[in-house]
N, C-alpha and C. Protein backbone atom coordinates (compact mmCIF):
# COMPACT_ATOMS: atom_id res chain seq x y z
N MET A 1 91.70 41.96 110.85
CA MET A 1 92.55 42.65 109.89
C MET A 1 93.86 43.04 110.58
N PRO A 2 94.98 42.81 109.90
CA PRO A 2 96.27 43.16 110.49
C PRO A 2 96.55 44.65 110.45
N ILE A 3 97.42 45.07 111.36
CA ILE A 3 97.88 46.44 111.40
C ILE A 3 99.31 46.46 110.85
N TYR A 4 99.55 47.28 109.84
CA TYR A 4 100.86 47.39 109.23
C TYR A 4 101.50 48.72 109.61
N GLU A 5 102.80 48.70 109.82
CA GLU A 5 103.54 49.91 110.13
C GLU A 5 104.24 50.41 108.87
N TYR A 6 104.16 51.72 108.63
CA TYR A 6 104.79 52.35 107.48
C TYR A 6 105.69 53.48 107.97
N ARG A 7 106.73 53.78 107.19
CA ARG A 7 107.62 54.91 107.49
C ARG A 7 107.93 55.64 106.19
N CYS A 8 107.92 56.96 106.26
CA CYS A 8 108.24 57.80 105.11
C CYS A 8 109.72 58.09 105.11
N GLY A 9 110.38 57.85 103.98
CA GLY A 9 111.80 58.14 103.86
C GLY A 9 112.07 59.62 103.67
N ALA A 10 111.08 60.37 103.22
CA ALA A 10 111.28 61.80 102.96
C ALA A 10 111.13 62.64 104.23
N CYS A 11 110.02 62.47 104.95
CA CYS A 11 109.77 63.31 106.13
C CYS A 11 109.98 62.57 107.45
N GLY A 12 110.13 61.22 107.41
CA GLY A 12 110.42 60.45 108.61
C GLY A 12 109.22 60.07 109.46
N VAL A 13 108.02 60.42 109.03
CA VAL A 13 106.83 60.10 109.81
C VAL A 13 106.59 58.58 109.79
N ALA A 14 106.14 58.05 110.93
CA ALA A 14 105.81 56.63 111.05
C ALA A 14 104.35 56.51 111.46
N LYS A 15 103.60 55.68 110.75
CA LYS A 15 102.17 55.50 111.03
C LYS A 15 101.79 54.04 110.91
N GLU A 16 100.68 53.69 111.56
CA GLU A 16 100.10 52.35 111.45
C GLU A 16 98.84 52.44 110.61
N HIS A 17 98.62 51.42 109.78
CA HIS A 17 97.43 51.37 108.92
C HIS A 17 96.75 50.02 109.09
N LEU A 18 95.46 50.03 109.34
CA LEU A 18 94.65 48.82 109.45
C LEU A 18 94.20 48.46 108.03
N GLN A 19 94.67 47.30 107.53
CA GLN A 19 94.39 46.90 106.16
C GLN A 19 94.03 45.43 106.08
N LYS A 20 93.27 45.09 105.06
CA LYS A 20 93.00 43.69 104.75
C LYS A 20 94.25 43.11 104.11
N LEU A 21 94.38 41.78 104.16
CA LEU A 21 95.51 41.13 103.51
C LEU A 21 95.50 41.37 102.00
N SER A 22 94.32 41.50 101.43
CA SER A 22 94.19 41.67 99.98
C SER A 22 94.35 43.11 99.54
N ASP A 23 94.40 44.09 100.47
CA ASP A 23 94.57 45.49 100.10
C ASP A 23 95.97 45.75 99.56
N ALA A 24 96.05 46.68 98.63
CA ALA A 24 97.35 47.11 98.11
C ALA A 24 98.06 47.94 99.17
N PRO A 25 99.39 47.92 99.18
CA PRO A 25 100.12 48.75 100.15
C PRO A 25 99.84 50.23 99.93
N VAL A 26 99.91 51.02 101.00
CA VAL A 26 99.73 52.46 100.90
C VAL A 26 100.91 53.02 100.12
N ALA A 27 100.63 53.80 99.06
CA ALA A 27 101.68 54.24 98.14
C ALA A 27 102.27 55.60 98.49
N ALA A 28 101.48 56.49 99.08
CA ALA A 28 101.95 57.85 99.34
C ALA A 28 101.84 58.18 100.82
N CYS A 29 102.78 58.96 101.30
CA CYS A 29 102.80 59.40 102.69
C CYS A 29 101.60 60.31 102.95
N PRO A 30 100.83 60.06 104.01
CA PRO A 30 99.67 60.91 104.30
C PRO A 30 100.06 62.30 104.81
N GLU A 31 101.31 62.47 105.25
CA GLU A 31 101.75 63.78 105.76
C GLU A 31 102.29 64.67 104.65
N CYS A 32 103.26 64.16 103.89
CA CYS A 32 103.92 65.01 102.89
C CYS A 32 103.58 64.64 101.45
N GLY A 33 102.93 63.48 101.24
CA GLY A 33 102.54 63.06 99.89
C GLY A 33 103.65 62.38 99.11
N SER A 34 104.80 62.15 99.72
CA SER A 34 105.93 61.52 99.04
C SER A 34 105.63 60.06 98.71
N ALA A 35 106.22 59.59 97.62
CA ALA A 35 106.07 58.19 97.22
C ALA A 35 107.08 57.30 97.95
N ASP A 36 107.93 57.89 98.78
CA ASP A 36 108.94 57.15 99.54
C ASP A 36 108.36 56.69 100.87
N TYR A 37 107.22 55.99 100.82
CA TYR A 37 106.47 55.52 101.99
C TYR A 37 106.44 54.01 101.93
N HIS A 38 107.12 53.35 102.88
CA HIS A 38 107.31 51.90 102.79
C HIS A 38 106.83 51.18 104.04
N LYS A 39 106.35 49.96 103.81
CA LYS A 39 105.92 49.08 104.91
C LYS A 39 107.14 48.60 105.67
N GLN A 40 107.06 48.61 107.00
CA GLN A 40 108.16 48.20 107.86
C GLN A 40 107.96 46.77 108.35
N LEU A 41 109.03 46.12 108.68
CA LEU A 41 108.99 44.80 109.28
C LEU A 41 108.77 44.98 110.77
N SER A 42 107.77 44.33 111.34
CA SER A 42 107.47 44.52 112.76
C SER A 42 107.21 43.17 113.43
N ALA A 43 107.21 43.19 114.74
CA ALA A 43 107.00 41.97 115.53
C ALA A 43 105.53 41.54 115.49
N ALA A 44 105.33 40.25 115.70
CA ALA A 44 103.96 39.71 115.76
C ALA A 44 103.26 40.25 117.00
N GLY A 45 101.95 40.38 116.92
CA GLY A 45 101.18 40.96 118.02
C GLY A 45 100.54 39.95 118.94
N PHE A 46 101.19 38.82 119.19
CA PHE A 46 100.61 37.86 120.13
C PHE A 46 101.71 37.29 121.02
N GLN A 47 101.29 36.75 122.14
CA GLN A 47 102.23 36.19 123.10
C GLN A 47 101.65 34.89 123.64
N LEU A 48 102.48 33.86 123.74
CA LEU A 48 102.03 32.59 124.26
C LEU A 48 102.13 32.61 125.79
N LYS A 49 101.02 32.35 126.46
CA LYS A 49 100.98 32.35 127.92
C LYS A 49 100.23 31.13 128.41
N GLY A 50 100.33 30.87 129.69
CA GLY A 50 99.55 29.80 130.29
C GLY A 50 100.28 28.47 130.31
N SER A 51 99.54 27.41 130.56
CA SER A 51 100.14 26.09 130.70
C SER A 51 99.83 25.21 129.50
N GLY A 52 99.68 25.78 128.35
CA GLY A 52 99.35 25.04 127.14
C GLY A 52 100.55 24.32 126.55
N TRP A 53 100.47 23.97 125.28
CA TRP A 53 101.49 23.16 124.63
C TRP A 53 102.86 23.81 124.65
N TYR A 54 102.94 25.12 124.55
CA TYR A 54 104.24 25.79 124.53
C TYR A 54 104.99 25.56 125.84
N ALA A 55 104.33 25.77 126.95
CA ALA A 55 104.97 25.64 128.25
C ALA A 55 105.31 24.19 128.56
N THR A 56 104.50 23.26 128.13
CA THR A 56 104.73 21.87 128.48
C THR A 56 105.63 21.14 127.49
N ASP A 57 105.61 21.52 126.22
CA ASP A 57 106.34 20.76 125.22
C ASP A 57 107.61 21.42 124.70
N PHE A 58 107.67 22.73 124.65
CA PHE A 58 108.79 23.38 123.99
C PHE A 58 109.56 24.36 124.86
N LYS A 59 109.02 24.82 125.93
CA LYS A 59 109.66 25.86 126.73
C LYS A 59 110.76 25.28 127.59
N GLY A 60 111.99 25.75 127.36
CA GLY A 60 113.12 25.36 128.19
C GLY A 60 113.34 23.87 128.24
N GLY A 61 114.01 23.45 129.29
CA GLY A 61 114.26 22.02 129.49
C GLY A 61 115.14 21.44 128.40
N SER A 62 115.68 20.29 128.67
CA SER A 62 116.48 19.62 127.66
C SER A 62 116.11 18.15 127.67
N SER A 63 116.16 17.57 126.51
CA SER A 63 115.89 16.13 126.40
C SER A 63 117.14 15.48 125.85
N SER A 64 117.46 14.33 126.36
CA SER A 64 118.64 13.63 125.87
C SER A 64 118.30 12.83 124.63
N ALA A 65 119.30 12.44 123.89
CA ALA A 65 119.09 11.69 122.66
C ALA A 65 118.51 10.31 122.96
N SER A 66 118.80 9.75 124.14
CA SER A 66 118.30 8.42 124.46
C SER A 66 116.79 8.45 124.74
N ASP A 67 116.24 9.61 125.13
CA ASP A 67 114.80 9.71 125.38
C ASP A 67 114.01 9.60 124.09
N SER A 68 114.59 10.10 122.98
CA SER A 68 113.84 10.11 121.74
C SER A 68 114.23 8.97 120.81
N ALA A 69 115.18 8.14 121.19
CA ALA A 69 115.62 7.03 120.33
C ALA A 69 114.59 5.90 120.36
N PRO A 70 114.40 5.19 119.23
CA PRO A 70 113.47 4.07 119.21
C PRO A 70 113.94 2.96 120.14
N SER A 71 113.02 2.18 120.64
CA SER A 71 113.36 1.09 121.54
C SER A 71 113.91 -0.09 120.75
N ALA A 72 114.27 -1.14 121.42
CA ALA A 72 114.88 -2.32 120.81
C ALA A 72 114.01 -2.86 119.68
N GLY A 73 114.67 -3.36 118.65
CA GLY A 73 113.95 -3.94 117.54
C GLY A 73 113.64 -2.90 116.46
N GLY A 74 113.98 -1.64 116.65
CA GLY A 74 113.76 -0.62 115.67
C GLY A 74 112.35 -0.10 115.59
N HIS A 75 111.49 -0.50 116.49
CA HIS A 75 110.10 -0.04 116.49
C HIS A 75 109.91 1.07 117.50
N SER A 76 109.15 2.07 117.11
CA SER A 76 108.98 3.21 118.00
C SER A 76 108.06 2.88 119.18
N CYS A 77 107.20 1.89 119.02
CA CYS A 77 106.32 1.54 120.15
C CYS A 77 106.88 0.39 120.97
N GLY A 78 107.91 -0.32 120.46
CA GLY A 78 108.55 -1.38 121.21
C GLY A 78 107.79 -2.70 121.20
N ALA A 79 106.67 -2.77 120.52
CA ALA A 79 105.87 -3.99 120.54
C ALA A 79 106.13 -4.89 119.36
N GLY A 80 106.98 -4.49 118.42
CA GLY A 80 107.26 -5.31 117.25
C GLY A 80 106.09 -5.40 116.28
N CYS A 81 105.31 -4.33 116.20
CA CYS A 81 104.11 -4.35 115.37
C CYS A 81 104.34 -3.82 113.96
N GLY A 82 105.54 -3.35 113.68
CA GLY A 82 105.82 -2.82 112.34
C GLY A 82 105.31 -1.40 112.16
N CYS A 83 105.28 -0.62 113.21
CA CYS A 83 104.76 0.74 113.14
C CYS A 83 105.76 1.72 112.54
N ASP A 84 106.93 1.29 112.15
CA ASP A 84 107.94 2.20 111.58
C ASP A 84 107.44 2.82 110.32
């Protein structure tokens, strides 16, 4: 279940609520009871680490246009098999 962050516009209190995706948003501030209690936009709670696909395929580095261009004959495998 995701954790959502809420902030009250009336009293300024900020709280986290553990909710199911199907749950309705919390409507009233638990501190002051105001209806000015809104869900905040927050960062994702995961981080990519290790030597997996992110580090090997997308992290840093630069590739030139000639590395990704199809080989002679317009075929991506270069064997003339019609794989386009």
